[in-house]
C-alpha cells in the first residue's frame, strides 16, 4: 500500500516539471496538495488535447487511487471535482471531450461528485428583498476567485471599524478555499459580490471552523449573514460529517446564529490546540491578551457544535 509520503514522492518523480512549475524543491508533504497539483496538470493536458500526457496523468492518479491508503483515496476523490469543475460550465462538446480523455472508472467518480454538487446547488438559498436584486448563496468555486481581493479588503475594513480585531487573510488563501470547495459565497443576479464564509480544517479533521463570515455593507441587516451561516454550516456537515464545528467570535449576532444551529458556548480547552490555529490571531488587536492568558481565554467567545448530539454521521 502506498503511504502519503510515498505518494507525494511518486508524483514528484513521475512529473518533475511540477517542481519547476511551482518553483519549489519538492511538491509538498501534504498529499492533498500534491494530488491537487497532479490533477490540475491533467486538466491542462485535457484542455490542450494532449492525449499522451493526459493518459500518463490519469494512469498515475489511478495507481494512487487503487494502491494508496485511505487518505490518498480521499485526496483523489475530493480533488477530482475541483480540478475539473471548469467543465461544469461548458457545453456538451466540452463534456464529451472530458469523457473521451478520462478513464471510465475516474469518470464514474466524477459523476458521483457532480451529483454531490447538484445536491448542494438544489439547496442554494435565493433571497429576495425590496429594491435589491435576487441574491443567491451557494458553494463557491474556482470561478469565484476574482472576488477574493474584494472579500479580504472588506474583512479588514470591517474589523477596523468594529475595533475588535480579526486575523488578516490573503486573497490567495481565500481563492484556495474556493478551489477546494470549502467556501460559500453570496452574489446578486448581476454577479455583484454580497457575502462570504469558509471552512478551515484542524487536528486531522477532528474539528472544522466556519470562519471569515463577511457581508458587503450595502447588504447588511437583511438576512444575508444568516443565509451564509446556514449554508456554510450545511457544507461543513456534508464535507466533514464526523467533525466538531467550532467558532470564536466577539459578535453577538454570530453567537445568536450559532445558538440556533445547535452550537453551545464552551471553554477554550474544548477547541483545537494547534499552534497554527492561534498563530492566525497574530494580526488581531487582541493578540497580546490571548498571549497573556496562554491561549486559554480571550475576548472572543468559543462555541462548539458536536455531531454526537445528533447521533453522528459516517464519513463520505
C-alpha atoms as a PDB file:
ATOM      1  CA  UNK A   1       0.000   0.000   0.000  1.00  0.00           C
ATOM      2  CA  UNK A   2       1.318   3.432  -0.970  1.00  0.00           C
ATOM      3  CA  UNK A   3       1.718   5.773   2.005  1.00  0.00           C
ATOM      4  CA  UNK A   4       1.082   9.529   1.877  1.00  0.00           C
ATOM      5  CA  UNK A   5       4.810  10.282   1.881  1.00  0.00           C
ATOM      6  CA  UNK A   6       5.424   7.736  -0.882  1.00  0.00           C
ATOM      7  CA  UNK A   7       2.537   9.196  -2.833  1.00  0.00           C
ATOM      8  CA  UNK A   8       3.962  12.722  -2.846  1.00  0.00           C
ATOM      9  CA  UNK A   9       7.388  11.394  -3.865  1.00  0.00           C
ATOM     10  CA  UNK A  10       5.851   9.271  -6.627  1.00  0.00           C
ATOM     11  CA  UNK A  11       4.086  12.294  -8.112  1.00  0.00           C
ATOM     12  CA  UNK A  12       7.321  14.260  -7.912  1.00  0.00           C
ATOM     13  CA  UNK A  13       9.373  11.546  -9.612  1.00  0.00           C
ATOM     14  CA  UNK A  14       6.833  10.943 -12.406  1.00  0.00           C
ATOM     15  CA  UNK A  15       6.324  14.640 -13.130  1.00  0.00           C
ATOM     16  CA  UNK A  16       9.480  16.576 -12.173  1.00  0.00           C
ATOM     17  CA  UNK A  17       8.178  19.508 -14.245  1.00  0.00           C
ATOM     18  CA  UNK A  18       5.653  20.184 -11.469  1.00  0.00           C
ATOM     19  CA  UNK A  19       8.514  21.107  -9.166  1.00  0.00           C
ATOM     20  CA  UNK A  20       9.636  23.830 -11.589  1.00  0.00           C
ATOM     21  CA  UNK A  21       6.049  24.913 -12.196  1.00  0.00           C
ATOM     22  CA  UNK A  22       5.506  25.606  -8.504  1.00  0.00           C
ATOM     23  CA  UNK A  23       9.084  26.889  -8.014  1.00  0.00           C
ATOM     24  CA  UNK A  24       9.816  24.604  -5.090  1.00  0.00           C
ATOM     25  CA  UNK A  25      12.443  21.952  -4.446  1.00  0.00           C
ATOM     26  CA  UNK A  26       9.669  19.459  -3.772  1.00  0.00           C
ATOM     27  CA  UNK A  27       5.924  19.415  -4.257  1.00  0.00           C
ATOM     28  CA  UNK A  28       4.714  19.034  -0.700  1.00  0.00           C
ATOM     29  CA  UNK A  29       4.447  16.535   2.106  1.00  0.00           C
ATOM     30  CA  UNK A  30       0.695  17.211   2.033  1.00  0.00           C
ATOM     31  CA  UNK A  31      -0.859  14.530  -0.171  1.00  0.00           C
ATOM     32  CA  UNK A  32      -3.964  16.659  -0.791  1.00  0.00           C
ATOM     33  CA  UNK A  33      -1.865  19.473  -2.245  1.00  0.00           C
ATOM     34  CA  UNK A  34       0.240  17.075  -4.305  1.00  0.00           C
ATOM     35  CA  UNK A  35      -2.779  15.263  -5.743  1.00  0.00           C
ATOM     36  CA  UNK A  36      -4.476  18.569  -6.495  1.00  0.00           C
ATOM     37  CA  UNK A  37      -1.436  19.694  -8.478  1.00  0.00           C
ATOM     38  CA  UNK A  38      -1.288  16.414 -10.370  1.00  0.00           C
ATOM     39  CA  UNK A  39      -4.943  16.645 -11.328  1.00  0.00           C
ATOM     40  CA  UNK A  40      -4.612  20.326 -12.235  1.00  0.00           C
ATOM     41  CA  UNK A  41      -1.828  19.232 -14.549  1.00  0.00           C
ATOM     42  CA  UNK A  42      -4.065  16.546 -16.080  1.00  0.00           C
ATOM     43  CA  UNK A  43      -6.805  19.127 -16.603  1.00  0.00           C
ATOM     44  CA  UNK A  44      -4.411  21.289 -18.601  1.00  0.00           C
ATOM     45  CA  UNK A  45      -3.470  18.235 -20.660  1.00  0.00           C
ATOM     46  CA  UNK A  46      -7.148  17.649 -21.460  1.00  0.00           C
ATOM     47  CA  UNK A  47      -7.693  21.291 -22.379  1.00  0.00           C
ATOM     48  CA  UNK A  48      -4.641  21.136 -24.672  1.00  0.00           C
ATOM     49  CA  UNK A  49      -5.838  17.895 -26.303  1.00  0.00           C
ATOM     50  CA  UNK A  50      -2.589  16.250 -25.177  1.00  0.00           C
ATOM     51  CA  UNK A  51      -3.686  12.619 -25.178  1.00  0.00           C
ATOM     52  CA  UNK A  52      -0.350  11.065 -24.172  1.00  0.00           C
ATOM     53  CA  UNK A  53       0.219  13.415 -21.250  1.00  0.00           C
ATOM     54  CA  UNK A  54      -3.357  13.151 -20.007  1.00  0.00           C
ATOM     55  CA  UNK A  55      -3.167   9.359 -20.106  1.00  0.00           C
ATOM     56  CA  UNK A  56       0.072   9.445 -18.118  1.00  0.00           C
ATOM     57  CA  UNK A  57      -1.511  11.742 -15.536  1.00  0.00           C
ATOM     58  CA  UNK A  58      -4.600   9.604 -15.154  1.00  0.00           C
ATOM     59  CA  UNK A  59      -2.571   6.389 -15.041  1.00  0.00           C
ATOM     60  CA  UNK A  60      -0.625   7.698 -12.062  1.00  0.00           C
ATOM     61  CA  UNK A  61      -3.785   9.019 -10.394  1.00  0.00           C
ATOM     62  CA  UNK A  62      -5.429   5.614 -10.884  1.00  0.00           C
ATOM     63  CA  UNK A  63      -2.400   3.859  -9.375  1.00  0.00           C
ATOM     64  CA  UNK A  64      -2.577   6.121  -6.339  1.00  0.00           C
ATOM     65  CA  UNK A  65      -6.307   5.545  -6.041  1.00  0.00           C
ATOM     66  CA  UNK A  66      -6.130   1.753  -6.285  1.00  0.00           C
ATOM     67  CA  UNK A  67      -2.910   1.218  -4.309  1.00  0.00           C
ATOM     68  CA  UNK A  68      -2.912   4.142  -1.916  1.00  0.00           C
ATOM     69  CA  UNK A  69      -4.124   4.292   1.663  1.00  0.00           C
ATOM     70  CA  UNK A  70      -7.477   5.757   2.683  1.00  0.00           C
ATOM     71  CA  UNK A  71      -6.106   9.297   2.872  1.00  0.00           C
ATOM     72  CA  UNK A  72      -4.729   9.095  -0.671  1.00  0.00           C
ATOM     73  CA  UNK A  73      -8.027   7.693  -1.985  1.00  0.00           C
ATOM     74  CA  UNK A  74      -9.873  10.505  -0.290  1.00  0.00           C
ATOM     75  CA  UNK A  75      -7.446  13.053  -1.757  1.00  0.00           C
ATOM     76  CA  UNK A  76      -8.084  11.737  -5.275  1.00  0.00           C
ATOM     77  CA  UNK A  77     -11.847  11.839  -4.828  1.00  0.00           C
ATOM     78  CA  UNK A  78     -12.060  15.218  -3.116  1.00  0.00           C
ATOM     79  CA  UNK A  79      -9.655  16.884  -5.558  1.00  0.00           C
ATOM     80  CA  UNK A  80     -11.271  15.413  -8.627  1.00  0.00           C
ATOM     81  CA  UNK A  81     -14.397  17.514  -8.956  1.00  0.00           C
ATOM     82  CA  UNK A  82     -12.436  20.667  -8.102  1.00  0.00           C
ATOM     83  CA  UNK A  83      -9.856  20.015 -10.796  1.00  0.00           C
ATOM     84  CA  UNK A  84     -12.487  19.520 -13.480  1.00  0.00           C
ATOM     85  CA  UNK A  85     -15.090  21.990 -12.252  1.00  0.00           C
ATOM     86  CA  UNK A  86     -14.422  24.220 -15.278  1.00  0.00           C
ATOM     87  CA  UNK A  87     -16.116  21.604 -17.441  1.00  0.00           C
ATOM     88  CA  UNK A  88     -19.333  22.034 -15.469  1.00  0.00           C
ATOM     89  CA  UNK A  89     -19.868  25.392 -17.111  1.00  0.00           C
ATOM     90  CA  UNK A  90     -19.069  24.180 -20.643  1.00  0.00           C
ATOM     91  CA  UNK A  91     -21.287  22.985 -23.444  1.00  0.00           C
ATOM     92  CA  UNK A  92     -21.909  19.380 -24.480  1.00  0.00           C
ATOM     93  CA  UNK A  93     -18.844  19.368 -26.740  1.00  0.00           C
ATOM     94  CA  UNK A  94     -16.584  20.127 -23.786  1.00  0.00           C
ATOM     95  CA  UNK A  95     -18.265  17.479 -21.652  1.00  0.00           C
ATOM     96  CA  UNK A  96     -17.779  14.903 -24.415  1.00  0.00           C
ATOM     97  CA  UNK A  97     -14.119  15.855 -24.613  1.00  0.00           C
ATOM     98  CA  UNK A  98     -13.738  15.150 -20.907  1.00  0.00           C
ATOM     99  CA  UNK A  99     -15.455  11.773 -21.355  1.00  0.00           C
ATOM    100  CA  UNK A 100     -13.021  10.916 -24.179  1.00  0.00           C
ATOM    101  CA  UNK A 101      -9.890  11.682 -22.173  1.00  0.00           C
ATOM    102  CA  UNK A 102     -10.835  10.462 -18.728  1.00  0.00           C
ATOM    103  CA  UNK A 103     -10.778   6.733 -17.796  1.00  0.00           C
ATOM    104  CA  UNK A 104     -14.191   5.143 -17.246  1.00  0.00           C
ATOM    105  CA  UNK A 105     -13.650   4.443 -13.539  1.00  0.00           C
ATOM    106  CA  UNK A 106     -12.498   8.001 -12.923  1.00  0.00           C
ATOM    107  CA  UNK A 107     -15.449   9.333 -14.896  1.00  0.00           C
ATOM    108  CA  UNK A 108     -17.710   7.383 -12.533  1.00  0.00           C
ATOM    109  CA  UNK A 109     -16.061   9.185  -9.587  1.00  0.00           C
ATOM    110  CA  UNK A 110     -16.562  12.464 -11.447  1.00  0.00           C
ATOM    111  CA  UNK A 111     -20.291  11.790 -11.892  1.00  0.00           C
ATOM    112  CA  UNK A 112     -20.613  10.803  -8.231  1.00  0.00           C
ATOM    113  CA  UNK A 113     -19.011  14.054  -7.096  1.00  0.00           C
ATOM    114  CA  UNK A 114     -21.039  16.008  -9.656  1.00  0.00           C
ATOM    115  CA  UNK A 115     -24.247  14.630  -8.176  1.00  0.00           C
ATOM    116  CA  UNK A 116     -22.974  15.709  -4.753  1.00  0.00           C
ATOM    117  CA  UNK A 117     -22.550  19.256  -6.071  1.00  0.00           C
ATOM    118  CA  UNK A 118     -26.054  19.159  -7.571  1.00  0.00           C
ATOM    119  CA  UNK A 119     -27.437  18.289  -4.149  1.00  0.00           C
ATOM    120  CA  UNK A 120     -25.691  21.352  -2.734  1.00  0.00           C
ATOM    121  CA  UNK A 121     -26.960  23.552  -5.557  1.00  0.00           C
ATOM    122  CA  UNK A 122     -30.542  22.385  -5.096  1.00  0.00           C
ATOM    123  CA  UNK A 123     -30.254  23.658  -1.542  1.00  0.00           C
ATOM    124  CA  UNK A 124     -28.923  27.086  -2.577  1.00  0.00           C
ATOM    125  CA  UNK A 125     -30.555  29.962  -0.767  1.00  0.00           C
ATOM    126  CA  UNK A 126     -32.210  32.552  -3.025  1.00  0.00           C
ATOM    127  CA  UNK A 127     -33.108  35.723  -1.150  1.00  0.00           C
ATOM    128  CA  UNK A 128     -35.496  38.432  -2.328  1.00  0.00           C
ATOM    129  CA  UNK A 129     -35.760  41.939  -0.903  1.00  0.00           C
ATOM    130  CA  UNK A 130     -37.426  45.181  -1.915  1.00  0.00           C
ATOM    131  CA  UNK A 131     -35.199  47.241  -4.243  1.00  0.00           C
ATOM    132  CA  UNK A 132     -32.432  44.566  -4.069  1.00  0.00           C
ATOM    133  CA  UNK A 133     -31.589  42.141  -6.915  1.00  0.00           C
ATOM    134  CA  UNK A 134     -32.068  38.441  -6.205  1.00  0.00           C
ATOM    135  CA  UNK A 135     -29.239  37.092  -4.070  1.00  0.00           C
ATOM    136  CA  UNK A 136     -28.011  33.504  -4.361  1.00  0.00           C
ATOM    137  CA  UNK A 137     -25.989  31.883  -1.579  1.00  0.00           C
ATOM    138  CA  UNK A 138     -24.080  28.856  -2.861  1.00  0.00           C
ATOM    139  CA  UNK A 139     -20.877  26.858  -2.601  1.00  0.00           C
ATOM    140  CA  UNK A 140     -18.004  28.878  -4.071  1.00  0.00           C
ATOM    141  CA  UNK A 141     -15.896  27.519  -6.950  1.00  0.00           C
ATOM    142  CA  UNK A 142     -12.588  28.418  -8.551  1.00  0.00           C
ATOM    143  CA  UNK A 143     -14.536  30.694 -10.900  1.00  0.00           C
ATOM    144  CA  UNK A 144     -15.223  32.991  -7.924  1.00  0.00           C
ATOM    145  CA  UNK A 145     -11.538  33.700  -7.184  1.00  0.00           C
ATOM    146  CA  UNK A 146     -11.954  37.092  -8.883  1.00  0.00           C
ATOM    147  CA  UNK A 147     -13.802  38.270  -5.758  1.00  0.00           C
ATOM    148  CA  UNK A 148     -11.014  37.247  -3.332  1.00  0.00           C
ATOM    149  CA  UNK A 149      -9.323  40.668  -3.085  1.00  0.00           C
ATOM    150  CA  UNK A 150     -12.649  42.422  -2.561  1.00  0.00           C
ATOM    151  CA  UNK A 151     -13.524  39.945   0.186  1.00  0.00           C
ATOM    152  CA  UNK A 152     -10.244  40.313   2.113  1.00  0.00           C
ATOM    153  CA  UNK A 153     -10.353  44.112   1.823  1.00  0.00           C
ATOM    154  CA  UNK A 154     -13.841  44.187   3.311  1.00  0.00           C
ATOM    155  CA  UNK A 155     -12.825  41.768   6.085  1.00  0.00           C
ATOM    156  CA  UNK A 156     -10.034  44.099   7.159  1.00  0.00           C
ATOM    157  CA  UNK A 157     -12.134  47.274   6.838  1.00  0.00           C
ATOM    158  CA  UNK A 158     -14.953  45.742   8.867  1.00  0.00           C
ATOM    159  CA  UNK A 159     -12.584  44.646  11.634  1.00  0.00           C
ATOM    160  CA  UNK A 160     -11.054  48.104  11.857  1.00  0.00           C
ATOM    161  CA  UNK A 161     -14.488  49.728  12.004  1.00  0.00           C
ATOM    162  CA  UNK A 162     -15.571  47.448  14.858  1.00  0.00           C
ATOM    163  CA  UNK A 163     -12.260  47.835  16.666  1.00  0.00           C
ATOM    164  CA  UNK A 164     -12.404  44.207  17.778  1.00  0.00           C
ATOM    165  CA  UNK A 165      -9.637  42.773  15.631  1.00  0.00           C
ATOM    166  CA  UNK A 166      -9.559  39.872  13.206  1.00  0.00           C
ATOM    167  CA  UNK A 167      -6.742  37.789  11.749  1.00  0.00           C
ATOM    168  CA  UNK A 168      -5.882  39.059   8.259  1.00  0.00           C
ATOM    169  CA  UNK A 169      -6.452  36.851   5.248  1.00  0.00           C
ATOM    170  CA  UNK A 170      -4.632  36.924   1.928  1.00  0.00           C
ATOM    171  CA  UNK A 171      -6.612  36.876  -1.342  1.00  0.00           C
ATOM    172  CA  UNK A 172      -4.654  33.761  -2.353  1.00  0.00           C
ATOM    173  CA  UNK A 173      -5.835  31.895   0.738  1.00  0.00           C
ATOM    174  CA  UNK A 174      -9.463  32.839   0.029  1.00  0.00           C
ATOM    175  CA  UNK A 175      -9.115  31.719  -3.603  1.00  0.00           C
ATOM    176  CA  UNK A 176      -7.647  28.424  -2.400  1.00  0.00           C
ATOM    177  CA  UNK A 177     -10.681  27.762  -0.202  1.00  0.00           C
ATOM    178  CA  UNK A 178     -12.943  28.384  -3.192  1.00  0.00           C
ATOM    179  CA  UNK A 179     -10.937  25.983  -5.330  1.00  0.00           C
ATOM    180  CA  UNK A 180     -11.100  23.292  -2.648  1.00  0.00           C
ATOM    181  CA  UNK A 181     -14.868  23.545  -2.324  1.00  0.00           C
ATOM    182  CA  UNK A 182     -14.584  24.795   1.247  1.00  0.00           C
ATOM    183  CA  UNK A 183     -16.323  28.148   0.915  1.00  0.00           C
ATOM    184  CA  UNK A 184     -19.722  29.753   0.459  1.00  0.00           C
ATOM    185  CA  UNK A 185     -20.360  32.924  -1.487  1.00  0.00           C
ATOM    186  CA  UNK A 186     -23.382  35.182  -1.963  1.00  0.00           C
ATOM    187  CA  UNK A 187     -23.892  37.049  -5.242  1.00  0.00           C
ATOM    188  CA  UNK A 188     -26.652  39.115  -6.800  1.00  0.00           C
ATOM    189  CA  UNK A 189     -28.270  38.092 -10.080  1.00  0.00           C
ATOM    190  CA  UNK A 190     -25.911  40.632 -11.670  1.00  0.00           C
ATOM    191  CA  UNK A 191     -22.861  38.887 -10.125  1.00  0.00           C
ATOM    192  CA  UNK A 192     -22.200  41.597  -7.582  1.00  0.00           C
ATOM    193  CA  UNK A 193     -20.396  40.240  -4.528  1.00  0.00           C
ATOM    194  CA  UNK A 194     -22.589  40.184  -1.397  1.00  0.00           C
ATOM    195  CA  UNK A 195     -21.026  37.928   1.243  1.00  0.00           C
ATOM    196  CA  UNK A 196     -18.665  35.060   2.031  1.00  0.00           C
ATOM    197  CA  UNK A 197     -17.539  32.438   4.567  1.00  0.00           C
ATOM    198  CA  UNK A 198     -15.179  29.453   4.503  1.00  0.00           C
ATOM    199  CA  UNK A 199     -14.247  26.204   6.230  1.00  0.00           C
ATOM    200  CA  UNK A 200     -10.914  25.537   7.956  1.00  0.00           C
ATOM    201  CA  UNK A 201      -9.888  22.004   8.976  1.00  0.00           C
ATOM    202  CA  UNK A 202      -7.987  21.256  12.208  1.00  0.00           C
ATOM    203  CA  UNK A 203      -6.444  18.334  14.085  1.00  0.00           C
ATOM    204  CA  UNK A 204      -6.707  15.752  11.305  1.00  0.00           C
ATOM    205  CA  UNK A 205     -10.392  16.529  10.603  1.00  0.00           C
ATOM    206  CA  UNK A 206     -11.444  16.241  14.218  1.00  0.00           C
ATOM    207  CA  UNK A 207     -12.506  19.898  14.096  1.00  0.00           C
ATOM    208  CA  UNK A 208     -13.606  22.321  11.417  1.00  0.00           C
ATOM    209  CA  UNK A 209     -14.278  26.018  11.823  1.00  0.00           C
ATOM    210  CA  UNK A 210     -16.755  28.239   9.999  1.00  0.00           C
ATOM    211  CA  UNK A 211     -14.631  31.328   9.541  1.00  0.00           C
ATOM    212  CA  UNK A 212     -14.390  34.676   7.811  1.00  0.00           C
ATOM    213  CA  UNK A 213     -18.106  35.451   7.681  1.00  0.00           C
ATOM    214  CA  UNK A 214     -18.420  38.829   5.982  1.00  0.00           C
ATOM    215  CA  UNK A 215     -21.237  40.706   4.235  1.00  0.00           C
ATOM    216  CA  UNK A 216     -20.784  43.737   1.997  1.00  0.00           C
ATOM    217  CA  UNK A 217     -22.016  46.939   3.741  1.00  0.00           C
ATOM    218  CA  UNK A 218     -24.813  47.552   1.225  1.00  0.00           C
ATOM    219  CA  UNK A 219     -26.410  44.184   2.033  1.00  0.00           C
ATOM    220  CA  UNK A 220     -26.177  44.083   5.812  1.00  0.00           C
ATOM    221  CA  UNK A 221     -29.170  43.731   8.133  1.00  0.00           C
ATOM    222  CA  UNK A 222     -31.319  41.999   5.539  1.00  0.00           C
ATOM    223  CA  UNK A 223     -30.773  38.313   6.327  1.00  0.00           C
ATOM    224  CA  UNK A 224     -27.733  37.590   4.155  1.00  0.00           C
ATOM    225  CA  UNK A 225     -25.437  36.731   7.071  1.00  0.00           C
ATOM    226  CA  UNK A 226     -27.976  34.240   8.397  1.00  0.00           C
ATOM    227  CA  UNK A 227     -28.279  32.541   4.990  1.00  0.00           C
ATOM    228  CA  UNK A 228     -24.492  32.337   4.606  1.00  0.00           C
ATOM    229  CA  UNK A 229     -24.107  30.966   8.123  1.00  0.00           C
ATOM    230  CA  UNK A 230     -26.683  28.253   7.455  1.00  0.00           C
ATOM    231  CA  UNK A 231     -25.098  27.376   4.108  1.00  0.00           C
ATOM    232  CA  UNK A 232     -21.526  27.101   5.432  1.00  0.00           C
ATOM    233  CA  UNK A 233     -22.790  25.004   8.336  1.00  0.00           C
ATOM    234  CA  UNK A 234     -24.604  22.716   5.883  1.00  0.00           C
ATOM    235  CA  UNK A 235     -21.479  22.421   3.719  1.00  0.00           C
ATOM    236  CA  UNK A 236     -19.369  21.599   6.789  1.00  0.00           C
ATOM    237  CA  UNK A 237     -21.757  18.806   7.778  1.00  0.00           C
ATOM    238  CA  UNK A 238     -21.735  17.372   4.250  1.00  0.00           C
ATOM    239  CA  UNK A 239     -17.965  17.528   3.750  1.00  0.00           C
ATOM    240  CA  UNK A 240     -16.906  16.586   7.296  1.00  0.00           C
ATOM    241  CA  UNK A 241     -19.837  14.775   8.947  1.00  0.00           C
ATOM    242  CA  UNK A 242     -17.836  13.465  11.919  1.00  0.00           C
ATOM    243  CA  UNK A 243     -16.048  16.712  12.706  1.00  0.00           C
ATOM    244  CA  UNK A 244     -16.912  19.057  15.557  1.00  0.00           C
ATOM    245  CA  UNK A 245     -17.656  22.544  14.247  1.00  0.00           C
ATOM    246  CA  UNK A 246     -16.422  25.486  16.280  1.00  0.00           C
ATOM    247  CA  UNK A 247     -16.494  29.240  16.121  1.00  0.00           C
ATOM    248  CA  UNK A 248     -14.793  32.015  18.047  1.00  0.00           C
ATOM    249  CA  UNK A 249     -16.319  35.454  17.759  1.00  0.00           C
ATOM    250  CA  UNK A 250     -16.944  38.741  19.513  1.00  0.00           C
ATOM    251  CA  UNK A 251     -20.135  39.367  17.548  1.00  0.00           C
ATOM    252  CA  UNK A 252     -23.458  38.933  19.331  1.00  0.00           C
ATOM    253  CA  UNK A 253     -25.284  38.354  16.034  1.00  0.00           C
ATOM    254  CA  UNK A 254     -22.960  35.461  15.141  1.00  0.00           C
ATOM    255  CA  UNK A 255     -23.404  33.978  18.611  1.00  0.00           C
ATOM    256  CA  UNK A 256     -27.185  34.038  18.179  1.00  0.00           C
ATOM    257  CA  UNK A 257     -26.938  32.372  14.756  1.00  0.00           C
ATOM    258  CA  UNK A 258     -24.607  29.719  16.175  1.00  0.00           C
ATOM    259  CA  UNK A 259     -27.017  29.011  19.027  1.00  0.00           C
ATOM    260  CA  UNK A 260     -29.900  28.486  16.583  1.00  0.00           C
ATOM    261  CA  UNK A 261     -27.786  25.898  14.727  1.00  0.00           C
ATOM    262  CA  UNK A 262     -27.076  23.951  17.903  1.00  0.00           C
ATOM    263  CA  UNK A 263     -23.737  25.436  18.988  1.00  0.00           C
ATOM    264  CA  UNK A 264     -23.014  25.689  22.700  1.00  0.00           C
ATOM    265  CA  UNK A 265     -20.661  28.066  24.499  1.00  0.00           C
ATOM    266  CA  UNK A 266     -17.511  26.243  25.633  1.00  0.00           C
ATOM    267  CA  UNK A 267     -14.118  26.982  27.172  1.00  0.00           C
ATOM    268  CA  UNK A 268     -11.004  27.281  25.031  1.00  0.00           C
ATOM    269  CA  UNK A 269      -9.927  23.845  26.291  1.00  0.00           C
ATOM    270  CA  UNK A 270     -12.611  22.270  24.089  1.00  0.00           C
ATOM    271  CA  UNK A 271     -11.462  23.764  20.779  1.00  0.00           C
ATOM    272  CA  UNK A 272      -8.295  22.965  18.753  1.00  0.00           C
ATOM    273  CA  UNK A 273      -4.966  23.453  20.460  1.00  0.00           C
ATOM    274  CA  UNK A 274      -2.864  23.539  17.285  1.00  0.00           C
ATOM    275  CA  UNK A 275      -0.199  26.245  17.343  1.00  0.00           C
ATOM    276  CA  UNK A 276      -1.079  27.103  13.744  1.00  0.00           C
ATOM    277  CA  UNK A 277      -4.633  27.957  14.755  1.00  0.00           C
ATOM    278  CA  UNK A 278      -3.553  30.510  17.347  1.00  0.00           C
ATOM    279  CA  UNK A 279      -0.892  31.928  15.026  1.00  0.00           C
ATOM    280  CA  UNK A 280      -3.779  33.040  12.847  1.00  0.00           C
ATOM    281  CA  UNK A 281      -4.673  35.528  15.578  1.00  0.00           C
ATOM    282  CA  UNK A 282      -1.340  37.381  15.423  1.00  0.00           C
ATOM    283  CA  UNK A 283      -2.746  40.257  13.379  1.00  0.00           C
ATOM    284  CA  UNK A 284      -5.673  40.678  15.779  1.00  0.00           C
ATOM    285  CA  UNK A 285      -5.523  43.733  18.074  1.00  0.00           C
ATOM    286  CA  UNK A 286      -6.307  41.443  20.987  1.00  0.00           C
ATOM    287  CA  UNK A 287      -3.431  39.013  20.375  1.00  0.00           C
ATOM    288  CA  UNK A 288      -1.438  40.242  23.383  1.00  0.00           C
ATOM    289  CA  UNK A 289      -4.433  39.473  25.606  1.00  0.00           C
ATOM    290  CA  UNK A 290      -4.537  35.971  24.173  1.00  0.00           C
ATOM    291  CA  UNK A 291      -0.804  35.510  24.804  1.00  0.00           C
ATOM    292  CA  UNK A 292      -1.031  36.819  28.359  1.00  0.00           C
ATOM    293  CA  UNK A 293      -3.694  34.192  29.048  1.00  0.00           C
ATOM    294  CA  UNK A 294      -1.644  31.440  27.346  1.00  0.00           C
ATOM    295  CA  UNK A 295      -4.331  30.858  24.710  1.00  0.00           C
ATOM    296  CA  UNK A 296      -6.764  29.723  27.401  1.00  0.00           C
ATOM    297  CA  UNK A 297      -9.049  32.735  27.128  1.00  0.00           C
ATOM    298  CA  UNK A 298      -9.515  35.993  25.221  1.00  0.00           C
ATOM    299  CA  UNK A 299     -12.212  38.496  24.259  1.00  0.00           C
ATOM    300  CA  UNK A 300     -13.719  36.071  21.734  1.00  0.00           C
ATOM    301  CA  UNK A 301     -16.393  33.616  22.823  1.00  0.00           C
ATOM    302  CA  UNK A 302     -15.811  29.988  21.832  1.00  0.00           C
ATOM    303  CA  UNK A 303     -18.798  27.965  20.611  1.00  0.00           C
ATOM    304  CA  UNK A 304     -18.944  24.315  19.564  1.00  0.00           C
ATOM    305  CA  UNK A 305     -21.313  22.036  17.646  1.00  0.00           C
ATOM    306  CA  UNK A 306     -20.785  18.322  18.264  1.00  0.00           C
ATOM    307  CA  UNK A 307     -22.218  15.757  15.767  1.00  0.00           C
ATOM    308  CA  UNK A 308     -22.653  13.300  18.629  1.00  0.00           C
ATOM    309  CA  UNK A 309     -25.626  15.407  19.681  1.00  0.00           C
ATOM    310  CA  UNK A 310     -27.399  14.162  16.544  1.00  0.00           C
ATOM    311  CA  UNK A 311     -26.159  10.601  16.783  1.00  0.00           C
ATOM    312  CA  UNK A 312     -23.223  11.241  14.474  1.00  0.00           C
ATOM    313  CA  UNK A 313     -22.847  10.510  10.758  1.00  0.00           C
ATOM    314  CA  UNK A 314     -20.464   8.307   8.824  1.00  0.00           C
ATOM    315  CA  UNK A 315     -17.714   9.710   6.607  1.00  0.00           C
ATOM    316  CA  UNK A 316     -18.472  10.058   2.944  1.00  0.00           C
END
